[in-house]
């Protein structure tokens, strides 16, 4: 009889500890402030990254005009100009740099740069990890939202703790915010559709229950 009572107590204690652990984990998951619906800084200028294609047009010099990819090291090579850094520059800045380099060879060059095949720099890409249906790296787009990200990754798995997800915001010194993915995609709560920022990491944990 005593052994049976001891076994029941042991099982009850184990169950209580599991509940306590779950409560603690839930408290930790919700301890971060909610992500702002709209990002504080809405100003965004696209900058060139590895994998982008840049179309370079040199006025009155068709032989110098071409389309080139940005190499993994962030540089481009064009006729007369080798290993010119392009990473992190906008199209206007890159055009002025090419003009400066070409001025050694031709008189008063006028250059236009058009970016195509957008990929963007690694530091601005959105990363989705954890219990997404298809975790992946996404190109950031202006005014991109959490719903846009969920559509791109195919939603969350059946094991995801959608309302325990967090955003790690690198533009704010790796500050973390809580987000309510389940409310957004399962209940249609548009108030949970927050704006993403360049470099955000979306972390979707596994549910314990």
N, C-alpha and C. Protein backbone atom coordinates (compact mmCIF):
# COMPACT_ATOMS: atom_id res chain seq x y z
N UNK A 1 0.83 -1.21 0.00
CA UNK A 1 0.00 0.00 0.00
C UNK A 1 0.86 1.25 0.00
N UNK A 2 1.92 1.23 0.82
CA UNK A 2 2.82 2.37 0.91
C UNK A 2 3.56 2.58 -0.40
N UNK A 3 3.97 1.47 -1.06
CA UNK A 3 4.65 1.58 -2.34
C UNK A 3 3.74 2.17 -3.40
N UNK A 4 2.43 1.79 -3.37
CA UNK A 4 1.46 2.31 -4.33
C UNK A 4 1.28 3.81 -4.13
N UNK A 5 1.17 4.22 -2.85
CA UNK A 5 1.01 5.64 -2.53
C UNK A 5 2.23 6.43 -2.98
N UNK A 6 3.42 5.85 -2.74
CA UNK A 6 4.66 6.51 -3.15
C UNK A 6 4.73 6.67 -4.66
N UNK A 7 4.26 5.65 -5.40
CA UNK A 7 4.27 5.71 -6.86
C UNK A 7 3.33 6.79 -7.36
N UNK A 8 2.14 6.90 -6.72
CA UNK A 8 1.18 7.93 -7.12
C UNK A 8 1.74 9.31 -6.88
N UNK A 9 2.38 9.48 -5.71
CA UNK A 9 2.98 10.78 -5.37
C UNK A 9 4.08 11.14 -6.35
N UNK A 10 4.87 10.13 -6.73
CA UNK A 10 5.97 10.37 -7.66
C UNK A 10 5.44 10.81 -9.02
N UNK A 11 4.36 10.15 -9.48
CA UNK A 11 3.78 10.53 -10.77
C UNK A 11 3.16 11.92 -10.70
N UNK A 12 2.51 12.22 -9.56
CA UNK A 12 1.91 13.54 -9.40
C UNK A 12 2.98 14.63 -9.39
N UNK A 13 4.10 14.33 -8.69
CA UNK A 13 5.20 15.29 -8.63
C UNK A 13 5.79 15.53 -10.01
N UNK A 14 5.96 14.46 -10.78
CA UNK A 14 6.51 14.59 -12.13
C UNK A 14 5.58 15.43 -13.01
N UNK A 15 4.28 15.18 -12.87
CA UNK A 15 3.31 15.93 -13.67
C UNK A 15 3.32 17.41 -13.28
N UNK A 16 3.43 17.67 -11.97
CA UNK A 16 3.47 19.05 -11.49
C UNK A 16 4.71 19.77 -12.01
N UNK A 17 5.84 19.05 -12.02
CA UNK A 17 7.07 19.66 -12.53
C UNK A 17 6.96 19.97 -14.02
N UNK A 18 6.31 19.08 -14.76
CA UNK A 18 6.11 19.33 -16.19
C UNK A 18 5.25 20.57 -16.41
N UNK A 19 4.20 20.71 -15.62
CA UNK A 19 3.34 21.89 -15.72
C UNK A 19 4.10 23.16 -15.36
N UNK A 20 4.95 23.07 -14.33
CA UNK A 20 5.73 24.21 -13.92
C UNK A 20 6.72 24.61 -15.00
N UNK A 21 7.38 23.60 -15.59
CA UNK A 21 8.34 23.88 -16.66
C UNK A 21 7.64 24.52 -17.85
N UNK A 22 6.44 24.01 -18.18
CA UNK A 22 5.70 24.59 -19.28
C UNK A 22 5.30 26.03 -19.01
N UNK A 23 4.90 26.28 -17.75
CA UNK A 23 4.53 27.64 -17.39
C UNK A 23 5.71 28.58 -17.47
N UNK A 24 6.87 28.10 -17.01
CA UNK A 24 8.08 28.92 -17.07
C UNK A 24 8.48 29.21 -18.50
N UNK A 25 8.41 28.18 -19.36
CA UNK A 25 8.74 28.37 -20.77
C UNK A 25 7.79 29.34 -21.43
N UNK A 26 6.50 29.21 -21.08
CA UNK A 26 5.52 30.12 -21.65
C UNK A 26 5.78 31.55 -21.21
N UNK A 27 6.16 31.71 -19.94
CA UNK A 27 6.45 33.05 -19.43
C UNK A 27 7.65 33.64 -20.13
N UNK A 28 8.67 32.79 -20.39
CA UNK A 28 9.88 33.26 -21.07
C UNK A 28 9.54 33.68 -22.50
N UNK A 29 8.66 32.89 -23.13
CA UNK A 29 8.34 33.17 -24.53
C UNK A 29 7.61 34.48 -24.69
N UNK A 30 6.85 34.88 -23.63
CA UNK A 30 6.06 36.09 -23.74
C UNK A 30 6.69 37.26 -22.99
N UNK A 31 7.93 37.10 -22.55
CA UNK A 31 8.56 38.15 -21.77
C UNK A 31 9.09 39.29 -22.64
N UNK A 32 9.15 39.07 -23.94
CA UNK A 32 9.62 40.11 -24.85
C UNK A 32 8.47 41.06 -25.18
N UNK A 33 8.78 42.33 -25.41
CA UNK A 33 7.72 43.27 -25.78
C UNK A 33 7.16 42.93 -27.15
N UNK A 34 5.89 43.24 -27.39
CA UNK A 34 5.32 42.95 -28.71
C UNK A 34 5.98 43.80 -29.79
N UNK A 35 6.15 43.22 -30.95
CA UNK A 35 6.76 43.95 -32.07
C UNK A 35 5.84 45.08 -32.50
N UNK A 36 6.40 46.25 -32.79
CA UNK A 36 5.56 47.36 -33.27
C UNK A 36 4.92 47.01 -34.60
N UNK A 37 3.67 47.41 -34.78
CA UNK A 37 2.95 47.11 -36.02
C UNK A 37 3.65 47.73 -37.21
N UNK A 38 4.07 48.99 -37.06
CA UNK A 38 4.82 49.68 -38.11
C UNK A 38 6.22 49.97 -37.60
N UNK A 39 7.21 49.73 -38.43
CA UNK A 39 8.59 49.99 -38.04
C UNK A 39 8.80 51.49 -37.82
N UNK A 40 9.63 51.80 -36.83
CA UNK A 40 9.85 53.21 -36.48
C UNK A 40 10.47 53.97 -37.65
N UNK A 41 11.41 53.33 -38.33
CA UNK A 41 12.09 53.96 -39.46
C UNK A 41 11.59 53.34 -40.75
N UNK A 42 10.69 54.04 -41.45
CA UNK A 42 10.12 53.49 -42.68
C UNK A 42 10.94 53.85 -43.92
N UNK A 43 11.99 54.67 -43.74
CA UNK A 43 12.83 55.06 -44.87
C UNK A 43 13.72 53.89 -45.27
N UNK A 44 13.69 53.53 -46.53
CA UNK A 44 14.50 52.41 -46.98
C UNK A 44 14.99 52.64 -48.39
N UNK A 45 16.30 52.52 -48.58
CA UNK A 45 16.91 52.62 -49.90
C UNK A 45 17.60 51.29 -50.21
N UNK A 46 17.24 50.71 -51.33
CA UNK A 46 17.82 49.43 -51.69
C UNK A 46 19.31 49.58 -51.97
N UNK A 47 20.09 48.66 -51.41
CA UNK A 47 21.53 48.63 -51.68
C UNK A 47 21.89 47.30 -52.32
N UNK A 48 22.94 47.32 -53.11
CA UNK A 48 23.34 46.19 -53.93
C UNK A 48 24.01 45.10 -53.09
N UNK A 49 23.73 43.86 -53.44
CA UNK A 49 24.32 42.74 -52.73
C UNK A 49 24.81 41.66 -53.69
N UNK A 50 25.55 40.67 -53.19
CA UNK A 50 26.02 39.57 -54.03
C UNK A 50 24.85 38.84 -54.68
N UNK A 51 24.99 38.51 -55.96
CA UNK A 51 23.93 37.83 -56.68
C UNK A 51 23.05 38.76 -57.49
N UNK A 52 23.09 40.06 -57.16
CA UNK A 52 22.34 41.02 -57.97
C UNK A 52 22.96 41.11 -59.36
N UNK A 53 22.16 41.51 -60.33
CA UNK A 53 22.67 41.85 -61.66
C UNK A 53 22.58 43.36 -61.82
N UNK A 54 23.62 43.97 -62.33
CA UNK A 54 23.60 45.40 -62.57
C UNK A 54 23.78 45.66 -64.07
N UNK A 55 22.87 46.43 -64.60
CA UNK A 55 22.91 46.81 -66.02
C UNK A 55 23.59 48.17 -66.12
N UNK A 56 24.76 48.22 -66.72
CA UNK A 56 25.57 49.43 -66.80
C UNK A 56 25.47 50.02 -68.20
N UNK A 57 25.02 51.26 -68.27
CA UNK A 57 24.89 51.95 -69.56
C UNK A 57 25.83 53.15 -69.55
N UNK A 58 26.79 53.15 -70.49
CA UNK A 58 27.73 54.26 -70.63
C UNK A 58 27.34 55.04 -71.88
N UNK A 59 26.87 56.25 -71.67
CA UNK A 59 26.35 57.07 -72.77
C UNK A 59 27.40 57.29 -73.86
N UNK A 60 27.00 57.04 -75.10
CA UNK A 60 27.85 57.19 -76.28
C UNK A 60 29.04 56.22 -76.31
N UNK A 61 28.99 55.19 -75.46
CA UNK A 61 30.05 54.18 -75.46
C UNK A 61 29.41 52.80 -75.31
N UNK A 62 28.76 52.39 -76.37
CA UNK A 62 28.01 51.12 -76.32
C UNK A 62 28.90 49.92 -76.01
N UNK A 63 30.16 50.01 -76.43
CA UNK A 63 31.08 48.89 -76.20
C UNK A 63 31.41 48.71 -74.71
N UNK A 64 31.14 49.75 -73.91
CA UNK A 64 31.40 49.67 -72.47
C UNK A 64 30.13 49.38 -71.67
N UNK A 65 29.01 49.31 -72.36
CA UNK A 65 27.72 49.06 -71.70
C UNK A 65 27.44 47.56 -71.67
N UNK A 66 27.05 47.06 -70.51
CA UNK A 66 26.77 45.63 -70.38
C UNK A 66 26.06 45.35 -69.07
N UNK A 67 25.62 44.11 -68.93
CA UNK A 67 25.00 43.65 -67.68
C UNK A 67 25.94 42.65 -67.02
N UNK A 68 26.24 42.87 -65.74
CA UNK A 68 27.18 41.99 -65.03
C UNK A 68 26.60 41.59 -63.68
N UNK A 69 26.94 40.37 -63.21
CA UNK A 69 26.50 39.96 -61.87
C UNK A 69 27.46 40.50 -60.80
N UNK A 70 26.92 40.70 -59.63
CA UNK A 70 27.76 41.07 -58.49
C UNK A 70 28.31 39.78 -57.90
N UNK A 71 29.63 39.70 -57.82
CA UNK A 71 30.28 38.48 -57.35
C UNK A 71 30.04 38.25 -55.86
N UNK A 72 30.28 37.02 -55.36
CA UNK A 72 30.12 36.75 -53.93
C UNK A 72 30.96 37.66 -53.03
N UNK A 73 32.07 38.21 -53.57
CA UNK A 73 32.88 39.12 -52.77
C UNK A 73 32.37 40.56 -52.84
N UNK A 74 31.23 40.77 -53.52
CA UNK A 74 30.63 42.09 -53.57
C UNK A 74 31.21 43.02 -54.62
N UNK A 75 32.02 42.50 -55.54
CA UNK A 75 32.65 43.35 -56.56
C UNK A 75 32.13 43.02 -57.95
N UNK A 76 32.36 43.93 -58.88
CA UNK A 76 32.01 43.70 -60.29
C UNK A 76 33.23 43.99 -61.15
N UNK A 77 33.22 43.41 -62.35
CA UNK A 77 34.27 43.67 -63.32
C UNK A 77 33.62 44.08 -64.63
N UNK A 78 34.06 45.21 -65.18
CA UNK A 78 33.55 45.72 -66.45
C UNK A 78 34.73 46.03 -67.35
N UNK A 79 34.48 46.27 -68.64
CA UNK A 79 35.58 46.68 -69.52
C UNK A 79 36.27 47.93 -68.97
N UNK A 80 37.58 47.89 -68.88
CA UNK A 80 38.44 48.97 -68.37
C UNK A 80 38.42 49.13 -66.86
N UNK A 81 37.46 48.51 -66.17
CA UNK A 81 37.37 48.65 -64.71
C UNK A 81 37.27 47.26 -64.09
N UNK A 82 38.28 46.88 -63.32
CA UNK A 82 38.30 45.57 -62.69
C UNK A 82 38.13 45.69 -61.17
N UNK A 83 37.42 44.71 -60.61
CA UNK A 83 37.28 44.59 -59.16
C UNK A 83 36.80 45.87 -58.49
N UNK A 84 35.70 46.40 -59.01
CA UNK A 84 35.12 47.61 -58.43
C UNK A 84 34.10 47.19 -57.37
N UNK A 85 34.25 47.65 -56.10
CA UNK A 85 33.29 47.29 -55.05
C UNK A 85 31.89 47.83 -55.35
N UNK A 86 30.90 46.95 -55.22
CA UNK A 86 29.50 47.34 -55.43
C UNK A 86 28.64 47.08 -54.20
N UNK A 87 29.11 46.19 -53.32
CA UNK A 87 28.35 45.79 -52.15
C UNK A 87 27.99 46.97 -51.26
N UNK A 88 26.69 47.06 -50.91
CA UNK A 88 26.24 48.09 -49.98
C UNK A 88 26.01 49.46 -50.58
N UNK A 89 26.17 49.57 -51.90
CA UNK A 89 25.97 50.87 -52.56
C UNK A 89 24.60 50.88 -53.25
N UNK A 90 24.01 52.08 -53.39
CA UNK A 90 22.82 52.16 -54.23
C UNK A 90 23.26 52.38 -55.67
N UNK A 91 22.32 52.34 -56.61
CA UNK A 91 22.67 52.40 -58.02
C UNK A 91 23.34 53.73 -58.40
N UNK A 92 22.91 54.83 -57.80
CA UNK A 92 23.50 56.13 -58.12
C UNK A 92 24.95 56.22 -57.66
N UNK A 93 25.22 55.73 -56.46
CA UNK A 93 26.59 55.76 -55.94
C UNK A 93 27.51 54.91 -56.81
N UNK A 94 27.04 53.73 -57.20
CA UNK A 94 27.86 52.86 -58.05
C UNK A 94 28.11 53.52 -59.41
N UNK A 95 27.10 54.18 -59.96
CA UNK A 95 27.27 54.87 -61.25
C UNK A 95 28.34 55.94 -61.16
N UNK A 96 28.34 56.71 -60.07
CA UNK A 96 29.36 57.76 -59.91
C UNK A 96 30.76 57.15 -59.76
N UNK A 97 30.85 56.01 -59.08
CA UNK A 97 32.15 55.35 -58.91
C UNK A 97 32.68 54.84 -60.26
N UNK A 98 31.78 54.31 -61.08
CA UNK A 98 32.19 53.84 -62.41
C UNK A 98 32.64 55.01 -63.28
N UNK A 99 31.90 56.12 -63.20
CA UNK A 99 32.30 57.31 -63.95
C UNK A 99 33.71 57.76 -63.56
N UNK A 100 33.98 57.76 -62.26
CA UNK A 100 35.30 58.18 -61.79
C UNK A 100 36.40 57.25 -62.32
N UNK A 101 36.12 55.94 -62.32
CA UNK A 101 37.10 54.98 -62.81
C UNK A 101 37.30 55.10 -64.32
N UNK A 102 36.22 55.33 -65.06
CA UNK A 102 36.30 55.43 -66.52
C UNK A 102 36.94 56.74 -66.98
N UNK A 103 36.90 57.75 -66.12
CA UNK A 103 37.44 59.06 -66.52
C UNK A 103 38.94 59.01 -66.80
N UNK A 104 39.58 57.92 -66.39
CA UNK A 104 41.01 57.75 -66.70
C UNK A 104 41.21 57.37 -68.17
N UNK A 105 40.12 56.88 -68.80
CA UNK A 105 40.25 56.35 -70.15
C UNK A 105 39.41 57.09 -71.19
N UNK A 106 38.25 57.62 -70.78
CA UNK A 106 37.40 58.35 -71.72
C UNK A 106 37.02 59.70 -71.12
N UNK A 107 36.66 60.62 -71.98
CA UNK A 107 36.38 61.99 -71.53
C UNK A 107 34.92 62.12 -71.07
N UNK A 108 34.74 62.68 -69.87
CA UNK A 108 33.43 62.99 -69.31
C UNK A 108 32.43 61.84 -69.46
N UNK A 109 32.73 60.68 -68.87
CA UNK A 109 31.79 59.55 -68.98
C UNK A 109 30.48 59.84 -68.23
N UNK A 110 29.39 59.40 -68.82
CA UNK A 110 28.08 59.50 -68.17
C UNK A 110 27.53 58.09 -68.04
N UNK A 111 27.33 57.64 -66.79
CA UNK A 111 26.96 56.25 -66.54
C UNK A 111 25.61 56.17 -65.82
N UNK A 112 24.80 55.22 -66.25
CA UNK A 112 23.55 54.88 -65.55
C UNK A 112 23.62 53.43 -65.13
N UNK A 113 23.24 53.16 -63.89
CA UNK A 113 23.21 51.78 -63.39
C UNK A 113 21.78 51.41 -63.02
N UNK A 114 21.32 50.28 -63.55
CA UNK A 114 19.99 49.76 -63.22
C UNK A 114 20.18 48.37 -62.60
N UNK A 115 19.65 48.20 -61.40
CA UNK A 115 19.78 46.92 -60.70
C UNK A 115 18.64 46.00 -61.10
N UNK A 116 19.00 44.77 -61.49
CA UNK A 116 18.00 43.75 -61.82
C UNK A 116 18.36 42.47 -61.08
N UNK A 117 17.41 41.53 -61.03
CA UNK A 117 17.70 40.26 -60.36
C UNK A 117 18.01 40.47 -58.90
N UNK A 118 17.14 41.20 -58.20
CA UNK A 118 17.41 41.61 -56.82
C UNK A 118 17.61 40.43 -55.87
N UNK A 119 18.67 40.50 -55.10
CA UNK A 119 18.94 39.56 -54.01
C UNK A 119 19.21 40.35 -52.73
N UNK A 120 20.05 41.36 -52.82
CA UNK A 120 20.35 42.21 -51.67
C UNK A 120 21.49 41.66 -50.83
N UNK A 121 22.09 42.49 -50.00
CA UNK A 121 23.19 42.04 -49.15
C UNK A 121 22.71 41.07 -48.07
N UNK A 122 23.60 40.20 -47.63
CA UNK A 122 23.25 39.20 -46.63
C UNK A 122 22.70 39.85 -45.36
N UNK A 123 23.24 40.98 -44.98
CA UNK A 123 22.85 41.64 -43.73
C UNK A 123 21.42 42.14 -43.74
N UNK A 124 20.79 42.23 -44.92
CA UNK A 124 19.43 42.75 -45.00
C UNK A 124 18.40 41.65 -45.29
N UNK A 125 18.85 40.44 -45.46
CA UNK A 125 17.92 39.35 -45.77
C UNK A 125 17.15 38.92 -44.51
N UNK A 126 15.92 38.46 -44.72
CA UNK A 126 15.08 37.96 -43.65
C UNK A 126 15.33 36.46 -43.48
N UNK A 127 15.61 36.03 -42.26
CA UNK A 127 15.86 34.60 -41.99
C UNK A 127 14.74 34.04 -41.12
N UNK A 128 14.20 32.91 -41.56
CA UNK A 128 13.11 32.25 -40.83
C UNK A 128 13.61 30.89 -40.38
N UNK A 129 13.63 30.67 -39.07
CA UNK A 129 14.16 29.42 -38.51
C UNK A 129 13.14 28.80 -37.57
N UNK A 130 13.28 27.50 -37.34
CA UNK A 130 12.39 26.81 -36.42
C UNK A 130 11.24 26.13 -37.13
N UNK A 131 10.05 26.20 -36.52
CA UNK A 131 8.90 25.42 -36.98
C UNK A 131 8.09 26.11 -38.08
N UNK A 132 8.80 26.62 -39.09
CA UNK A 132 8.12 27.07 -40.31
C UNK A 132 7.98 25.87 -41.24
N UNK A 133 6.97 25.89 -42.10
CA UNK A 133 6.79 24.78 -43.03
C UNK A 133 7.99 24.64 -43.94
N UNK A 134 8.59 25.77 -44.31
CA UNK A 134 9.76 25.76 -45.19
C UNK A 134 10.73 26.85 -44.75
N UNK A 135 11.51 26.61 -43.68
CA UNK A 135 12.46 27.63 -43.20
C UNK A 135 13.42 28.04 -44.31
N UNK A 136 13.65 29.33 -44.44
CA UNK A 136 14.50 29.80 -45.53
C UNK A 136 14.94 31.24 -45.31
N UNK A 137 15.77 31.71 -46.24
CA UNK A 137 16.23 33.09 -46.26
C UNK A 137 15.46 33.81 -47.35
N UNK A 138 14.93 35.00 -47.02
CA UNK A 138 14.11 35.75 -47.96
C UNK A 138 14.75 37.11 -48.24
N UNK A 139 14.54 37.58 -49.44
CA UNK A 139 14.97 38.93 -49.78
C UNK A 139 14.03 39.92 -49.11
N UNK A 140 14.60 40.94 -48.45
CA UNK A 140 13.77 41.97 -47.83
C UNK A 140 13.18 42.89 -48.90
N UNK A 141 11.92 43.24 -48.72
CA UNK A 141 11.25 44.20 -49.60
C UNK A 141 10.62 45.28 -48.73
N UNK A 142 10.61 46.49 -49.23
CA UNK A 142 10.04 47.60 -48.47
C UNK A 142 8.60 47.31 -48.10
N UNK A 143 8.26 47.63 -46.83
CA UNK A 143 6.91 47.41 -46.29
C UNK A 143 6.55 45.93 -46.18
N UNK A 144 7.54 45.06 -46.16
CA UNK A 144 7.31 43.63 -46.00
C UNK A 144 6.70 43.38 -44.62
N UNK A 145 5.70 42.49 -44.54
CA UNK A 145 5.03 42.22 -43.28
C UNK A 145 5.23 40.77 -42.85
N UNK A 146 4.82 40.48 -41.63
CA UNK A 146 4.89 39.12 -41.11
C UNK A 146 4.04 38.17 -41.96
N UNK A 147 2.90 38.63 -42.43
CA UNK A 147 2.05 37.80 -43.28
C UNK A 147 2.75 37.49 -44.60
N UNK A 148 3.46 38.45 -45.17
CA UNK A 148 4.23 38.20 -46.39
C UNK A 148 5.24 37.08 -46.16
N UNK A 149 5.89 37.12 -45.01
CA UNK A 149 6.90 36.10 -44.67
C UNK A 149 6.23 34.73 -44.54
N UNK A 150 5.08 34.69 -43.86
CA UNK A 150 4.38 33.42 -43.67
C UNK A 150 3.93 32.82 -45.00
N UNK A 151 3.47 33.65 -45.91
CA UNK A 151 3.08 33.16 -47.24
C UNK A 151 4.29 32.57 -47.96
N UNK A 152 5.43 33.24 -47.83
CA UNK A 152 6.65 32.78 -48.52
C UNK A 152 7.16 31.45 -47.99
N UNK A 153 7.02 31.22 -46.68
CA UNK A 153 7.55 29.99 -46.08
C UNK A 153 6.47 28.91 -45.94
N UNK A 154 5.25 29.18 -46.38
CA UNK A 154 4.20 28.18 -46.34
C UNK A 154 3.53 27.99 -45.00
N UNK A 155 3.62 29.01 -44.13
CA UNK A 155 2.97 28.91 -42.82
C UNK A 155 3.84 28.21 -41.78
N UNK A 156 3.19 27.68 -40.75
CA UNK A 156 3.91 27.00 -39.67
C UNK A 156 3.50 25.53 -39.61
N UNK A 157 4.30 24.72 -38.94
CA UNK A 157 4.01 23.30 -38.80
C UNK A 157 2.95 23.08 -37.71
N UNK A 158 2.45 21.84 -37.63
CA UNK A 158 1.47 21.50 -36.59
C UNK A 158 2.10 21.51 -35.20
N UNK A 159 3.42 21.50 -35.14
CA UNK A 159 4.11 21.45 -33.86
C UNK A 159 4.59 22.82 -33.39
N UNK A 160 4.26 23.85 -34.14
CA UNK A 160 4.78 25.18 -33.84
C UNK A 160 4.00 25.87 -32.72
N UNK A 161 4.73 26.60 -31.91
CA UNK A 161 4.12 27.51 -30.93
C UNK A 161 4.09 28.88 -31.59
N UNK A 162 3.07 29.08 -32.44
CA UNK A 162 3.02 30.29 -33.25
C UNK A 162 3.00 31.57 -32.45
N UNK A 163 2.27 31.56 -31.33
CA UNK A 163 2.18 32.77 -30.51
C UNK A 163 3.37 32.93 -29.56
N UNK A 164 4.30 31.97 -29.61
CA UNK A 164 5.52 32.08 -28.82
C UNK A 164 6.71 32.50 -29.67
N UNK A 165 6.43 32.85 -30.93
CA UNK A 165 7.51 33.23 -31.84
C UNK A 165 8.08 34.60 -31.50
N UNK A 166 9.31 34.82 -31.91
CA UNK A 166 9.97 36.11 -31.66
C UNK A 166 10.69 36.58 -32.91
N UNK A 167 10.89 37.89 -32.97
CA UNK A 167 11.71 38.51 -34.01
C UNK A 167 12.96 39.05 -33.37
N UNK A 168 14.12 38.64 -33.89
CA UNK A 168 15.40 39.19 -33.47
C UNK A 168 15.74 40.31 -34.44
N UNK A 169 15.73 41.55 -33.96
CA UNK A 169 15.89 42.72 -34.85
C UNK A 169 17.33 43.22 -34.80
N UNK A 170 18.09 42.90 -35.83
CA UNK A 170 19.51 43.25 -35.86
C UNK A 170 19.74 44.75 -35.99
N UNK A 171 18.78 45.46 -36.58
CA UNK A 171 18.94 46.91 -36.74
C UNK A 171 18.78 47.66 -35.42
N UNK A 172 18.34 46.94 -34.38
CA UNK A 172 18.19 47.54 -33.06
C UNK A 172 19.05 46.84 -32.02
N UNK A 173 20.23 46.40 -32.48
CA UNK A 173 21.16 45.76 -31.54
C UNK A 173 20.70 44.41 -31.04
N UNK A 174 20.06 43.62 -31.92
CA UNK A 174 19.57 42.27 -31.62
C UNK A 174 18.49 42.26 -30.54
N UNK A 175 17.69 43.30 -30.50
CA UNK A 175 16.55 43.34 -29.58
C UNK A 175 15.50 42.35 -30.04
N UNK A 176 14.84 41.67 -29.08
CA UNK A 176 13.83 40.68 -29.44
C UNK A 176 12.43 41.19 -29.14
N UNK A 177 11.51 40.83 -30.06
CA UNK A 177 10.11 41.18 -29.92
C UNK A 177 9.26 39.92 -30.05
N UNK A 178 8.16 39.87 -29.33
CA UNK A 178 7.22 38.76 -29.48
C UNK A 178 6.25 39.03 -30.62
N UNK A 179 5.86 37.99 -31.33
CA UNK A 179 4.87 38.10 -32.39
C UNK A 179 3.85 36.98 -32.25
N UNK A 180 2.64 37.19 -32.78
CA UNK A 180 1.54 36.22 -32.63
C UNK A 180 1.17 35.65 -34.00
N UNK A 181 1.99 34.70 -34.43
CA UNK A 181 1.77 34.12 -35.75
C UNK A 181 0.47 33.33 -35.83
N UNK A 182 0.19 32.55 -34.79
CA UNK A 182 -1.03 31.72 -34.81
C UNK A 182 -2.29 32.60 -34.89
N UNK A 183 -2.29 33.68 -34.10
CA UNK A 183 -3.45 34.59 -34.16
C UNK A 183 -3.60 35.18 -35.56
N UNK A 184 -2.47 35.45 -36.20
CA UNK A 184 -2.49 36.07 -37.53
C UNK A 184 -3.03 35.12 -38.59
N UNK A 185 -2.47 33.92 -38.66
CA UNK A 185 -2.81 33.03 -39.79
C UNK A 185 -3.93 32.05 -39.48
N UNK A 186 -4.20 31.80 -38.22
CA UNK A 186 -5.28 30.86 -37.87
C UNK A 186 -6.57 31.59 -37.53
N UNK A 187 -6.44 32.79 -36.96
CA UNK A 187 -7.64 33.53 -36.53
C UNK A 187 -7.89 34.78 -37.37
N UNK A 188 -6.96 35.11 -38.24
CA UNK A 188 -7.14 36.28 -39.09
C UNK A 188 -7.07 37.60 -38.34
N UNK A 189 -6.29 37.62 -37.24
CA UNK A 189 -6.14 38.84 -36.45
C UNK A 189 -5.12 39.76 -37.12
N UNK A 190 -5.62 40.76 -37.85
CA UNK A 190 -4.73 41.64 -38.61
C UNK A 190 -3.86 42.51 -37.70
N UNK A 191 -4.24 42.67 -36.45
CA UNK A 191 -3.41 43.46 -35.53
C UNK A 191 -2.08 42.77 -35.24
N UNK A 192 -2.00 41.47 -35.56
CA UNK A 192 -0.76 40.72 -35.36
C UNK A 192 0.16 40.79 -36.58
N UNK A 193 -0.28 41.48 -37.62
CA UNK A 193 0.51 41.55 -38.86
C UNK A 193 1.49 42.71 -38.77
N UNK A 194 2.66 42.46 -38.18
CA UNK A 194 3.64 43.52 -37.94
C UNK A 194 4.55 43.69 -39.15
N UNK A 195 5.18 44.84 -39.23
CA UNK A 195 6.09 45.14 -40.33
C UNK A 195 7.48 44.58 -40.03
N UNK A 196 8.10 43.99 -41.02
CA UNK A 196 9.45 43.46 -40.88
C UNK A 196 10.46 44.56 -41.20
N UNK A 197 11.71 44.32 -40.77
CA UNK A 197 12.79 45.25 -41.06
C UNK A 197 13.96 44.47 -41.66
N UNK A 198 14.84 45.14 -42.41
CA UNK A 198 16.00 44.45 -42.99
C UNK A 198 16.82 43.74 -41.91
N UNK A 199 17.18 42.49 -42.18
CA UNK A 199 18.01 41.74 -41.25
C UNK A 199 17.27 41.03 -40.15
N UNK A 200 15.93 41.12 -40.12
CA UNK A 200 15.16 40.45 -39.06
C UNK A 200 15.35 38.93 -39.13
N UNK A 201 15.39 38.31 -37.93
CA UNK A 201 15.41 36.85 -37.83
C UNK A 201 14.14 36.42 -37.11
N UNK A 202 13.29 35.66 -37.79
CA UNK A 202 12.04 35.18 -37.21
C UNK A 202 12.27 33.79 -36.64
N UNK A 203 12.07 33.64 -35.32
CA UNK A 203 12.33 32.38 -34.62
C UNK A 203 11.00 31.79 -34.17
N UNK A 204 10.67 30.60 -34.68
CA UNK A 204 9.40 29.94 -34.37
C UNK A 204 9.69 28.68 -33.54
N UNK A 205 9.40 28.70 -32.24
CA UNK A 205 9.73 27.54 -31.40
C UNK A 205 8.72 26.41 -31.55
N UNK A 206 9.09 25.27 -31.01
CA UNK A 206 8.19 24.12 -31.00
C UNK A 206 7.28 24.20 -29.78
N UNK A 207 6.03 23.81 -29.96
CA UNK A 207 5.09 23.81 -28.85
C UNK A 207 5.34 22.60 -27.96
N UNK A 208 5.16 22.79 -26.65
CA UNK A 208 5.35 21.69 -25.70
C UNK A 208 4.08 20.88 -25.51
N UNK A 209 2.97 21.40 -26.01
CA UNK A 209 1.69 20.70 -25.82
C UNK A 209 0.93 20.65 -27.14
